[in-house]
Structures are given as C-alpha cells and as structure tokens.
C-alpha cells in the first residue's frame, strides 16, 4: 500500500482505539508540531463525557482546561491510579470505628 493509504489507516485505527477507551491520558511535557495528540484529545472530548480525559504536564491550550483531571507530573498520576490495598481500607475503617466508639 502507498504511504498515504497507510497513514489514513493508521489515523482511523487510532480513532477507533480512542472511541473504545474509558480513559485517555495526554502527556504535554514535550512540545511537538505534529498535532496528533491534540486531535486525539479533541476527539475524546467530542465523545461528550464518554471518555475520561486527563492531562499530565502543563496545560498548553484552552481545551486542556476541559480535562477531567490535570496532574503536575507522572508521579501524581500514577499514585492516583494505584488502588488502595484492602488491608489499608480495613485498618482505616477499624480506627474510625474505635475513634467513634462504634467497635461492635
């Protein structure tokens, strides 16, 4: 297949993957002139709350302000994604019950 056909198929595949996603995370640390990630982010926004959108890094345009969450760095984003261990939740619940005097 020629290069034009290949790139069109690649773009359509990317849009299909975004359409099926529950979450899109856009890393804005590097500045790029290609614009692909901005198109993908806009496509996700156009799904009207069908896809949760996050920005990791600086907000570089007005549309980034429409993201559901914005993180300063990847450490914050990964901490947000990391589930709290069940044992920690149980320990918190027990300490709350003891503090409230409801340790039945």
PDB file of N, CA and C in Angstrom:
ATOM      1  N   UNK A   1       0.850  -1.175   0.000  1.00  0.00           N
ATOM      2  CA  UNK A   1       0.000   0.000   0.000  1.00  0.00           C
ATOM      3  C   UNK A   1       0.891   1.232   0.000  1.00  0.00           C
ATOM      4  N   UNK A   2       0.387   2.306  -0.562  1.00  0.00           N
ATOM      5  CA  UNK A   2       1.193   3.518  -0.603  1.00  0.00           C
ATOM      6  C   UNK A   2       1.180   4.216   0.766  1.00  0.00           C
ATOM      7  N   UNK A   3       2.066   5.164   0.935  1.00  0.00           N
ATOM      8  CA  UNK A   3       2.235   5.850   2.222  1.00  0.00           C
ATOM      9  C   UNK A   3       0.968   6.583   2.660  1.00  0.00           C
ATOM     10  N   UNK A   4       0.283   7.222   1.739  1.00  0.00           N
ATOM     11  CA  UNK A   4      -0.940   7.965   2.073  1.00  0.00           C
ATOM     12  C   UNK A   4      -2.009   7.023   2.630  1.00  0.00           C
ATOM     13  N   UNK A   5      -2.202   5.896   1.987  1.00  0.00           N
ATOM     14  CA  UNK A   5      -3.174   4.910   2.453  1.00  0.00           C
ATOM     15  C   UNK A   5      -2.785   4.383   3.830  1.00  0.00           C
ATOM     16  N   UNK A   6      -1.497   4.107   4.008  1.00  0.00           N
ATOM     17  CA  UNK A   6      -1.015   3.618   5.300  1.00  0.00           C
ATOM     18  C   UNK A   6      -1.326   4.609   6.417  1.00  0.00           C
ATOM     19  N   UNK A   7      -1.022   5.889   6.198  1.00  0.00           N
ATOM     20  CA  UNK A   7      -1.256   6.896   7.244  1.00  0.00           C
ATOM     21  C   UNK A   7      -2.746   7.097   7.524  1.00  0.00           C
ATOM     22  N   UNK A   8      -3.574   7.021   6.508  1.00  0.00           N
ATOM     23  CA  UNK A   8      -5.022   7.124   6.722  1.00  0.00           C
ATOM     24  C   UNK A   8      -5.516   5.964   7.575  1.00  0.00           C
ATOM     25  N   UNK A   9      -5.065   4.756   7.268  1.00  0.00           N
ATOM     26  CA  UNK A   9      -5.459   3.589   8.060  1.00  0.00           C
ATOM     27  C   UNK A   9      -4.953   3.701   9.492  1.00  0.00           C
ATOM     28  N   UNK A  10      -3.755   4.226   9.663  1.00  0.00           N
ATOM     29  CA  UNK A  10      -3.191   4.420  10.992  1.00  0.00           C
ATOM     30  C   UNK A  10      -4.039   5.407  11.801  1.00  0.00           C
ATOM     31  N   UNK A  11      -4.433   6.506  11.179  1.00  0.00           N
ATOM     32  CA  UNK A  11      -5.260   7.507  11.851  1.00  0.00           C
ATOM     33  C   UNK A  11      -6.624   6.925  12.227  1.00  0.00           C
ATOM     34  N   UNK A  12      -7.230   6.175  11.323  1.00  0.00           N
ATOM     35  CA  UNK A  12      -8.527   5.563  11.616  1.00  0.00           C
ATOM     36  C   UNK A  12      -8.423   4.549  12.747  1.00  0.00           C
ATOM     37  N   UNK A  13      -7.331   3.785  12.778  1.00  0.00           N
ATOM     38  CA  UNK A  13      -7.125   2.826  13.865  1.00  0.00           C
ATOM     39  C   UNK A  13      -6.999   3.560  15.198  1.00  0.00           C
ATOM     40  N   UNK A  14      -6.236   4.664  15.215  1.00  0.00           N
ATOM     41  CA  UNK A  14      -6.078   5.446  16.446  1.00  0.00           C
ATOM     42  C   UNK A  14      -7.421   5.967  16.941  1.00  0.00           C
ATOM     43  N   UNK A  15      -8.244   6.483  16.037  1.00  0.00           N
ATOM     44  CA  UNK A  15      -9.553   6.991  16.442  1.00  0.00           C
ATOM     45  C   UNK A  15     -10.450   5.871  16.964  1.00  0.00           C
ATOM     46  N   UNK A  16     -10.383   4.699  16.352  1.00  0.00           N
ATOM     47  CA  UNK A  16     -11.176   3.552  16.824  1.00  0.00           C
ATOM     48  C   UNK A  16     -10.731   3.151  18.232  1.00  0.00           C
ATOM     49  N   UNK A  17      -9.428   3.188  18.488  1.00  0.00           N
ATOM     50  CA  UNK A  17      -8.931   2.846  19.821  1.00  0.00           C
ATOM     51  C   UNK A  17      -9.387   3.869  20.859  1.00  0.00           C
ATOM     52  N   UNK A  18      -9.360   5.140  20.501  1.00  0.00           N
ATOM     53  CA  UNK A  18      -9.826   6.179  21.431  1.00  0.00           C
ATOM     54  C   UNK A  18     -11.311   6.010  21.693  1.00  0.00           C
ATOM     55  N   UNK A  19     -12.062   5.732  20.655  1.00  0.00           N
ATOM     56  CA  UNK A  19     -13.515   5.563  20.801  1.00  0.00           C
ATOM     57  C   UNK A  19     -13.862   4.442  21.773  1.00  0.00           C
ATOM     58  N   UNK A  20     -13.039   3.405  21.811  1.00  0.00           N
ATOM     59  CA  UNK A  20     -13.318   2.272  22.693  1.00  0.00           C
ATOM     60  C   UNK A  20     -12.689   2.433  24.083  1.00  0.00           C
ATOM     61  N   UNK A  21     -11.944   3.496  24.296  1.00  0.00           N
ATOM     62  CA  UNK A  21     -11.247   3.688  25.572  1.00  0.00           C
ATOM     63  C   UNK A  21     -12.174   4.262  26.639  1.00  0.00           C
ATOM     64  N   UNK A  22     -11.842   3.975  27.889  1.00  0.00           N
ATOM     65  CA  UNK A  22     -12.529   4.585  29.032  1.00  0.00           C
ATOM     66  C   UNK A  22     -11.783   5.818  29.523  1.00  0.00           C
ATOM     67  N   UNK A  23     -10.488   5.885  29.202  1.00  0.00           N
ATOM     68  CA  UNK A  23      -9.623   6.948  29.706  1.00  0.00           C
ATOM     69  C   UNK A  23      -8.566   7.253  28.666  1.00  0.00           C
ATOM     70  N   UNK A  24      -8.322   8.550  28.444  1.00  0.00           N
ATOM     71  CA  UNK A  24      -7.195   8.968  27.621  1.00  0.00           C
ATOM     72  C   UNK A  24      -6.348   9.914  28.471  1.00  0.00           C
ATOM     73  N   UNK A  25      -5.055   9.645  28.490  1.00  0.00           N
ATOM     74  CA  UNK A  25      -4.111  10.465  29.244  1.00  0.00           C
ATOM     75  C   UNK A  25      -3.186  11.124  28.231  1.00  0.00           C
ATOM     76  N   UNK A  26      -3.113  12.458  28.274  1.00  0.00           N
ATOM     77  CA  UNK A  26      -2.279  13.209  27.343  1.00  0.00           C
ATOM     78  C   UNK A  26      -1.088  13.777  28.113  1.00  0.00           C
ATOM     79  N   UNK A  27       0.101  13.420  27.678  1.00  0.00           N
ATOM     80  CA  UNK A  27       1.349  13.934  28.249  1.00  0.00           C
ATOM     81  C   UNK A  27       1.724  15.191  27.473  1.00  0.00           C
ATOM     82  N   UNK A  28       1.784  16.326  28.167  1.00  0.00           N
ATOM     83  CA  UNK A  28       2.056  17.599  27.486  1.00  0.00           C
ATOM     84  C   UNK A  28       3.444  18.152  27.805  1.00  0.00           C
ATOM     85  N   UNK A  29       4.317  17.319  28.350  1.00  0.00           N
ATOM     86  CA  UNK A  29       5.641  17.826  28.711  1.00  0.00           C
ATOM     87  C   UNK A  29       6.454  18.246  27.494  1.00  0.00           C
ATOM     88  N   UNK A  30       6.444  17.451  26.457  1.00  0.00           N
ATOM     89  CA  UNK A  30       7.221  17.835  25.277  1.00  0.00           C
ATOM     90  C   UNK A  30       6.357  18.659  24.335  1.00  0.00           C
ATOM     91  N   UNK A  31       6.985  19.571  23.646  1.00  0.00           N
ATOM     92  CA  UNK A  31       6.294  20.397  22.666  1.00  0.00           C
ATOM     93  C   UNK A  31       6.511  19.745  21.306  1.00  0.00           C
ATOM     94  N   UNK A  32       5.422  19.544  20.591  1.00  0.00           N
ATOM     95  CA  UNK A  32       5.520  18.915  19.275  1.00  0.00           C
ATOM     96  C   UNK A  32       4.715  19.718  18.267  1.00  0.00           C
ATOM     97  N   UNK A  33       5.169  19.717  17.051  1.00  0.00           N
ATOM     98  CA  UNK A  33       4.494  20.437  15.974  1.00  0.00           C
ATOM     99  C   UNK A  33       3.538  19.543  15.192  1.00  0.00           C
ATOM    100  N   UNK A  34       3.566  18.218  15.471  1.00  0.00           N
ATOM    101  CA  UNK A  34       2.764  17.282  14.680  1.00  0.00           C
ATOM    102  C   UNK A  34       1.269  17.440  14.925  1.00  0.00           C
ATOM    103  N   UNK A  35       0.849  17.629  16.163  1.00  0.00           N
ATOM    104  CA  UNK A  35      -0.551  17.870  16.468  1.00  0.00           C
ATOM    105  C   UNK A  35      -1.418  16.642  16.662  1.00  0.00           C
ATOM    106  N   UNK A  36      -0.862  15.448  16.526  1.00  0.00           N
ATOM    107  CA  UNK A  36      -1.658  14.234  16.645  1.00  0.00           C
ATOM    108  C   UNK A  36      -2.322  14.085  18.004  1.00  0.00           C
ATOM    109  N   UNK A  37      -1.574  14.328  19.057  1.00  0.00           N
ATOM    110  CA  UNK A  37      -2.163  14.146  20.386  1.00  0.00           C
ATOM    111  C   UNK A  37      -3.290  15.143  20.638  1.00  0.00           C
ATOM    112  N   UNK A  38      -3.187  16.338  20.055  1.00  0.00           N
ATOM    113  CA  UNK A  38      -4.249  17.331  20.239  1.00  0.00           C
ATOM    114  C   UNK A  38      -5.515  16.908  19.497  1.00  0.00           C
ATOM    115  N   UNK A  39      -5.364  16.325  18.331  1.00  0.00           N
ATOM    116  CA  UNK A  39      -6.520  15.810  17.599  1.00  0.00           C
ATOM    117  C   UNK A  39      -7.162  14.682  18.395  1.00  0.00           C
ATOM    118  N   UNK A  40      -6.335  13.779  18.913  1.00  0.00           N
ATOM    119  CA  UNK A  40      -6.851  12.655  19.690  1.00  0.00           C
ATOM    120  C   UNK A  40      -7.559  13.140  20.952  1.00  0.00           C
ATOM    121  N   UNK A  41      -6.985  14.133  21.631  1.00  0.00           N
ATOM    122  CA  UNK A  41      -7.613  14.696  22.828  1.00  0.00           C
ATOM    123  C   UNK A  41      -8.951  15.345  22.464  1.00  0.00           C
ATOM    124  N   UNK A  42      -8.976  16.095  21.369  1.00  0.00           N
ATOM    125  CA  UNK A  42     -10.211  16.719  20.908  1.00  0.00           C
ATOM    126  C   UNK A  42     -11.270  15.693  20.548  1.00  0.00           C
ATOM    127  N   UNK A  43     -10.860  14.608  19.919  1.00  0.00           N
ATOM    128  CA  UNK A  43     -11.789  13.529  19.589  1.00  0.00           C
ATOM    129  C   UNK A  43     -12.386  12.941  20.860  1.00  0.00           C
ATOM    130  N   UNK A  44     -11.544  12.739  21.879  1.00  0.00           N
ATOM    131  CA  UNK A  44     -12.026  12.209  23.163  1.00  0.00           C
ATOM    132  C   UNK A  44     -12.998  13.201  23.809  1.00  0.00           C
ATOM    133  N   UNK A  45     -12.684  14.483  23.774  1.00  0.00           N
ATOM    134  CA  UNK A  45     -13.597  15.489  24.332  1.00  0.00           C
ATOM    135  C   UNK A  45     -14.931  15.478  23.586  1.00  0.00           C
ATOM    136  N   UNK A  46     -14.874  15.253  22.298  1.00  0.00           N
ATOM    137  CA  UNK A  46     -16.076  15.231  21.470  1.00  0.00           C
ATOM    138  C   UNK A  46     -16.989  14.048  21.761  1.00  0.00           C
ATOM    139  N   UNK A  47     -16.525  13.113  22.550  1.00  0.00           N
ATOM    140  CA  UNK A  47     -17.358  11.974  22.934  1.00  0.00           C
ATOM    141  C   UNK A  47     -18.310  12.363  24.065  1.00  0.00           C
ATOM    142  N   UNK A  48     -18.246  13.622  24.506  1.00  0.00           N
ATOM    143  CA  UNK A  48     -19.180  14.170  25.484  1.00  0.00           C
ATOM    144  C   UNK A  48     -19.312  13.299  26.729  1.00  0.00           C
ATOM    145  N   UNK A  49     -18.236  13.267  27.489  1.00  0.00           N
ATOM    146  CA  UNK A  49     -18.167  12.547  28.765  1.00  0.00           C
ATOM    147  C   UNK A  49     -18.162  11.038  28.606  1.00  0.00           C
ATOM    148  N   UNK A  50     -18.023  10.542  27.400  1.00  0.00           N
ATOM    149  CA  UNK A  50     -17.949   9.100  27.191  1.00  0.00           C
ATOM    150  C   UNK A  50     -16.576   8.542  27.506  1.00  0.00           C
ATOM    151  N   UNK A  51     -15.579   9.422  27.533  1.00  0.00           N
ATOM    152  CA  UNK A  51     -14.205   9.045  27.828  1.00  0.00           C
ATOM    153  C   UNK A  51     -13.675  10.024  28.867  1.00  0.00           C
ATOM    154  N   UNK A  52     -13.098   9.503  29.929  1.00  0.00           N
ATOM    155  CA  UNK A  52     -12.467  10.380  30.910  1.00  0.00           C
ATOM    156  C   UNK A  52     -11.146  10.874  30.329  1.00  0.00           C
ATOM    157  N   UNK A  53     -10.860  12.154  30.507  1.00  0.00           N
ATOM    158  CA  UNK A  53      -9.654  12.752  29.936  1.00  0.00           C
ATOM    159  C   UNK A  53      -8.781  13.324  31.045  1.00  0.00           C
ATOM    160  N   UNK A  54      -7.493  13.006  30.965  1.00  0.00           N
ATOM    161  CA  UNK A  54      -6.511  13.519  31.919  1.00  0.00           C
ATOM    162  C   UNK A  54      -5.382  14.203  31.160  1.00  0.00           C
ATOM    163  N   UNK A  55      -4.819  15.212  31.782  1.00  0.00           N
ATOM    164  CA  UNK A  55      -3.613  15.875  31.286  1.00  0.00           C
ATOM    165  C   UNK A  55      -2.521  15.632  32.317  1.00  0.00           C
ATOM    166  N   UNK A  56      -1.344  15.220  31.860  1.00  0.00           N
ATOM    167  CA  UNK A  56      -0.172  15.125  32.728  1.00  0.00           C
ATOM    168  C   UNK A  56       0.843  16.104  32.163  1.00  0.00           C
ATOM    169  N   UNK A  57       1.094  17.173  32.931  1.00  0.00           N
ATOM    170  CA  UNK A  57       2.000  18.224  32.479  1.00  0.00           C
ATOM    171  C   UNK A  57       1.267  19.540  32.371  1.00  0.00           C
ATOM    172  N   UNK A  58       1.925  20.524  31.768  1.00  0.00           N
ATOM    173  CA  UNK A  58       1.309  21.849  31.680  1.00  0.00           C
ATOM    174  C   UNK A  58       0.129  21.880  30.716  1.00  0.00           C
ATOM    175  N   UNK A  59      -0.857  22.697  31.053  1.00  0.00           N
ATOM    176  CA  UNK A  59      -1.985  22.908  30.143  1.00  0.00           C
ATOM    177  C   UNK A  59      -1.508  23.891  29.076  1.00  0.00           C
ATOM    178  N   UNK A  60      -1.513  23.451  27.836  1.00  0.00           N
ATOM    179  CA  UNK A  60      -0.918  24.237  26.756  1.00  0.00           C
ATOM    180  C   UNK A  60      -1.944  24.972  25.884  1.00  0.00           C
ATOM    181  N   UNK A  61      -3.229  24.682  26.065  1.00  0.00           N
ATOM    182  CA  UNK A  61      -4.238  25.416  25.301  1.00  0.00           C
ATOM    183  C   UNK A  61      -5.552  25.426  26.080  1.00  0.00           C
ATOM    184  N   UNK A  62      -6.514  26.189  25.596  1.00  0.00           N
ATOM    185  CA  UNK A  62      -7.777  26.339  26.326  1.00  0.00           C
ATOM    186  C   UNK A  62      -8.540  25.026  26.458  1.00  0.00           C
ATOM    187  N   UNK A  63      -8.391  24.126  25.508  1.00  0.00           N
ATOM    188  CA  UNK A  63      -9.118  22.860  25.553  1.00  0.00           C
ATOM    189  C   UNK A  63      -8.597  21.942  26.652  1.00  0.00           C
ATOM    190  N   UNK A  64      -7.356  22.117  27.033  1.00  0.00           N
ATOM    191  CA  UNK A  64      -6.808  21.319  28.139  1.00  0.00           C
ATOM    192  C   UNK A  64      -7.546  21.613  29.436  1.00  0.00           C
ATOM    193  N   UNK A  65      -8.154  22.770  29.548  1.00  0.00           N
ATOM    194  CA  UNK A  65      -8.927  23.115  30.745  1.00  0.00           C
ATOM    195  C   UNK A  65     -10.222  22.319  30.853  1.00  0.00           C
ATOM    196  N   UNK A  66     -10.574  21.616  29.811  1.00  0.00           N
ATOM    197  CA  UNK A  66     -11.770  20.769  29.829  1.00  0.00           C
ATOM    198  C   UNK A  66     -11.476  19.351  30.313  1.00  0.00           C
ATOM    199  N   UNK A  67     -10.210  19.053  30.593  1.00  0.00           N
ATOM    200  CA  UNK A  67      -9.837  17.716  31.068  1.00  0.00           C
ATOM    201  C   UNK A  67     -10.507  17.438  32.408  1.00  0.00           C
ATOM    202  N   UNK A  68     -10.816  16.177  32.644  1.00  0.00           N
ATOM    203  CA  UNK A  68     -11.427  15.785  33.912  1.00  0.00           C
ATOM    204  C   UNK A  68     -10.444  15.927  35.071  1.00  0.00           C
ATOM    205  N   UNK A  69      -9.182  15.601  34.831  1.00  0.00           N
ATOM    206  CA  UNK A  69      -8.142  15.747  35.851  1.00  0.00           C
ATOM    207  C   UNK A  69      -6.866  16.250  35.205  1.00  0.00           C
ATOM    208  N   UNK A  70      -6.096  17.024  35.961  1.00  0.00           N
ATOM    209  CA  UNK A  70      -4.797  17.521  35.498  1.00  0.00           C
ATOM    210  C   UNK A  70      -3.783  17.232  36.592  1.00  0.00           C
ATOM    211  N   UNK A  71      -2.655  16.645  36.201  1.00  0.00           N
ATOM    212  CA  UNK A  71      -1.594  16.304  37.144  1.00  0.00           C
ATOM    213  C   UNK A  71      -0.331  17.059  36.764  1.00  0.00           C
ATOM    214  N   UNK A  72       0.417  17.479  37.770  1.00  0.00           N
ATOM    215  CA  UNK A  72       1.678  18.186  37.526  1.00  0.00           C
ATOM    216  C   UNK A  72       2.741  17.273  36.934  1.00  0.00           C
ATOM    217  N   UNK A  73       2.706  15.991  37.316  1.00  0.00           N
ATOM    218  CA  UNK A  73       3.728  15.056  36.852  1.00  0.00           C
ATOM    219  C   UNK A  73       3.173  13.636  36.868  1.00  0.00           C
ATOM    220  N   UNK A  74       3.978  12.708  36.333  1.00  0.00           N
ATOM    221  CA  UNK A  74       3.544  11.318  36.235  1.00  0.00           C
ATOM    222  C   UNK A  74       3.473  10.640  37.595  1.00  0.00           C
ATOM    223  N   UNK A  75       4.271  11.086  38.549  1.00  0.00           N
ATOM    224  CA  UNK A  75       4.209  10.502  39.891  1.00  0.00           C
ATOM    225  C   UNK A  75       2.814  10.686  40.471  1.00  0.00           C
ATOM    226  N   UNK A  76       2.270  11.887  40.353  1.00  0.00           N
ATOM    227  CA  UNK A  76       0.914  12.153  40.856  1.00  0.00           C
ATOM    228  C   UNK A  76      -0.122  11.308  40.118  1.00  0.00           C
ATOM    229  N   UNK A  77      -0.011  11.224  38.812  1.00  0.00           N
ATOM    230  CA  UNK A  77      -0.989  10.462  38.027  1.00  0.00           C
ATOM    231  C   UNK A  77      -0.938   8.982  38.387  1.00  0.00           C
ATOM    232  N   UNK A  78       0.259   8.441  38.529  1.00  0.00           N
ATOM    233  CA  UNK A  78       0.390   7.019  38.864  1.00  0.00           C
ATOM    234  C   UNK A  78      -0.084   6.734  40.281  1.00  0.00           C
ATOM    235  N   UNK A  79       0.148   7.668  41.198  1.00  0.00           N
ATOM    236  CA  UNK A  79      -0.364   7.484  42.564  1.00  0.00           C
ATOM    237  C   UNK A  79      -1.887   7.472  42.550  1.00  0.00           C
ATOM    238  N   UNK A  80      -2.491   8.308  41.728  1.00  0.00           N
ATOM    239  CA  UNK A  80      -3.944   8.356  41.630  1.00  0.00           C
ATOM    240  C   UNK A  80      -4.488   7.047  41.058  1.00  0.00           C
ATOM    241  N   UNK A  81      -3.747   6.433  40.158  1.00  0.00           N
ATOM    242  CA  UNK A  81      -4.174   5.175  39.539  1.00  0.00           C
ATOM    243  C   UNK A  81      -3.955   3.966  40.439  1.00  0.00           C
ATOM    244  N   UNK A  82      -3.060   4.087  41.414  1.00  0.00           N
ATOM    245  CA  UNK A  82      -2.724   2.952  42.268  1.00  0.00           C
ATOM    246  C   UNK A  82      -3.835   2.714  43.273  1.00  0.00           C
ATOM    247  N   UNK A  83      -4.433   1.533  43.264  1.00  0.00           N
ATOM    248  CA  UNK A  83      -5.522   1.263  44.209  1.00  0.00           C
ATOM    249  C   UNK A  83      -5.005   1.171  45.648  1.00  0.00           C
ATOM    250  N   UNK A  84      -5.843   1.575  46.570  1.00  0.00           N
ATOM    251  CA  UNK A  84      -5.524   1.465  47.989  1.00  0.00           C
ATOM    252  C   UNK A  84      -5.683  -0.004  48.379  1.00  0.00           C
ATOM    253  N   UNK A  85      -4.659  -0.597  49.023  1.00  0.00           N
ATOM    254  CA  UNK A  85      -4.780  -2.004  49.413  1.00  0.00           C
ATOM    255  C   UNK A  85      -5.964  -2.233  50.349  1.00  0.00           C
ATOM    256  N   UNK A  86      -6.630  -3.354  50.196  1.00  0.00           N
ATOM    257  CA  UNK A  86      -7.792  -3.702  51.003  1.00  0.00           C
ATOM    258  C   UNK A  86      -7.466  -3.647  52.492  1.00  0.00           C
ATOM    259  N   UNK A  87      -6.245  -4.096  52.849  1.00  0.00           N
ATOM    260  CA  UNK A  87      -5.850  -4.089  54.265  1.00  0.00           C
ATOM    261  C   UNK A  87      -5.830  -2.658  54.816  1.00  0.00           C
ATOM    262  N   UNK A  88      -5.374  -1.710  54.005  1.00  0.00           N
ATOM    263  CA  UNK A  88      -5.311  -0.317  54.455  1.00  0.00           C
ATOM    264  C   UNK A  88      -6.716   0.234  54.681  1.00  0.00           C
ATOM    265  N   UNK A  89      -7.640  -0.115  53.806  1.00  0.00           N
ATOM    266  CA  UNK A  89      -9.026   0.335  53.969  1.00  0.00           C
ATOM    267  C   UNK A  89      -9.607  -0.255  55.245  1.00  0.00           C
ATOM    268  N   UNK A  90      -9.360  -1.538  55.490  1.00  0.00           N
ATOM    269  CA  UNK A  90      -9.874  -2.199  56.698  1.00  0.00           C
ATOM    270  C   UNK A  90      -9.280  -1.563  57.953  1.00  0.00           C
ATOM    271  N   UNK A  91      -7.974  -1.246  57.920  1.00  0.00           N
ATOM    272  CA  UNK A  91      -7.330  -0.599  59.072  1.00  0.00           C
ATOM    273  C   UNK A  91      -7.937   0.781  59.319  1.00  0.00           C
ATOM    274  N   UNK A  92      -8.188   1.529  58.236  1.00  0.00           N
ATOM    275  CA  UNK A  92      -8.789   2.854  58.378  1.00  0.00           C
ATOM    276  C   UNK A  92     -10.193   2.724  58.959  1.00  0.00           C
ATOM    277  N   UNK A  93     -10.981   1.796  58.428  1.00  0.00           N
ATOM    278  CA  UNK A  93     -12.345   1.596  58.923  1.00  0.00           C
ATOM    279  C   UNK A  93     -12.333   1.242  60.403  1.00  0.00           C
ATOM    280  N   UNK A  94     -11.431   0.347  60.815  1.00  0.00           N
ATOM    281  CA  UNK A  94     -11.352  -0.070  62.213  1.00  0.00           C
ATOM    282  C   UNK A  94     -10.954   1.104  63.108  1.00  0.00           C
ATOM    283  N   UNK A  95      -9.969   1.903  62.680  1.00  0.00           N
ATOM    284  CA  UNK A  95      -9.551   3.034  63.512  1.00  0.00           C
ATOM    285  C   UNK A  95     -10.673   4.067  63.613  1.00  0.00           C
ATOM    286  N   UNK A  96     -11.454   4.239  62.552  1.00  0.00           N
ATOM    287  CA  UNK A  96     -12.577   5.177  62.589  1.00  0.00           C
ATOM    288  C   UNK A  96     -13.639   4.670  63.564  1.00  0.00           C
ATOM    289  N   UNK A  97     -13.929   3.385  63.499  1.00  0.00           N
ATOM    290  CA  UNK A  97     -14.916   2.817  64.423  1.00  0.00           C
ATOM    291  C   UNK A  97     -14.471   2.968  65.873  1.00  0.00           C
ATOM    292  N   UNK A  98     -13.204   2.708  66.147  1.00  0.00           N
ATOM    293  CA  UNK A  98     -12.686   2.843  67.503  1.00  0.00           C
ATOM    294  C   UNK A  98     -12.746   4.297  67.966  1.00  0.00           C
ATOM    295  N   UNK A  99     -12.410   5.212  67.089  1.00  0.00           N
ATOM    296  CA  UNK A  99     -12.418   6.622  67.427  1.00  0.00           C
ATOM    297  C   UNK A  99     -13.837   7.097  67.716  1.00  0.00           C
ATOM    298  N   UNK A 100     -14.797   6.580  66.977  1.00  0.00           N
ATOM    299  CA  UNK A 100     -16.184   6.965  67.147  1.00  0.00           C
ATOM    300  C   UNK A 100     -16.883   6.166  68.249  1.00  0.00           C
ATOM    301  N   UNK A 101     -16.178   5.168  68.783  1.00  0.00           N
ATOM    302  CA  UNK A 101     -16.771   4.362  69.839  1.00  0.00           C
ATOM    303  C   UNK A 101     -17.787   3.356  69.342  1.00  0.00           C
ATOM    304  N   UNK A 102     -17.661   2.981  68.053  1.00  0.00           N
ATOM    305  CA  UNK A 102     -18.609   2.038  67.447  1.00  0.00           C
ATOM    306  C   UNK A 102     -17.936   0.724  67.098  1.00  0.00           C
ATOM    307  N   UNK A 103     -17.136   0.176  67.984  1.00  0.00           N
ATOM    308  CA  UNK A 103     -16.383  -1.032  67.627  1.00  0.00           C
ATOM    309  C   UNK A 103     -17.151  -2.289  68.023  1.00  0.00           C
ATOM    310  N   UNK A 104     -18.305  -2.484  67.407  1.00  0.00           N
ATOM    311  CA  UNK A 104     -19.136  -3.655  67.661  1.00  0.00           C
ATOM    312  C   UNK A 104     -18.545  -4.885  67.066  1.00  0.00           C
TER     313      UNK A 104
END
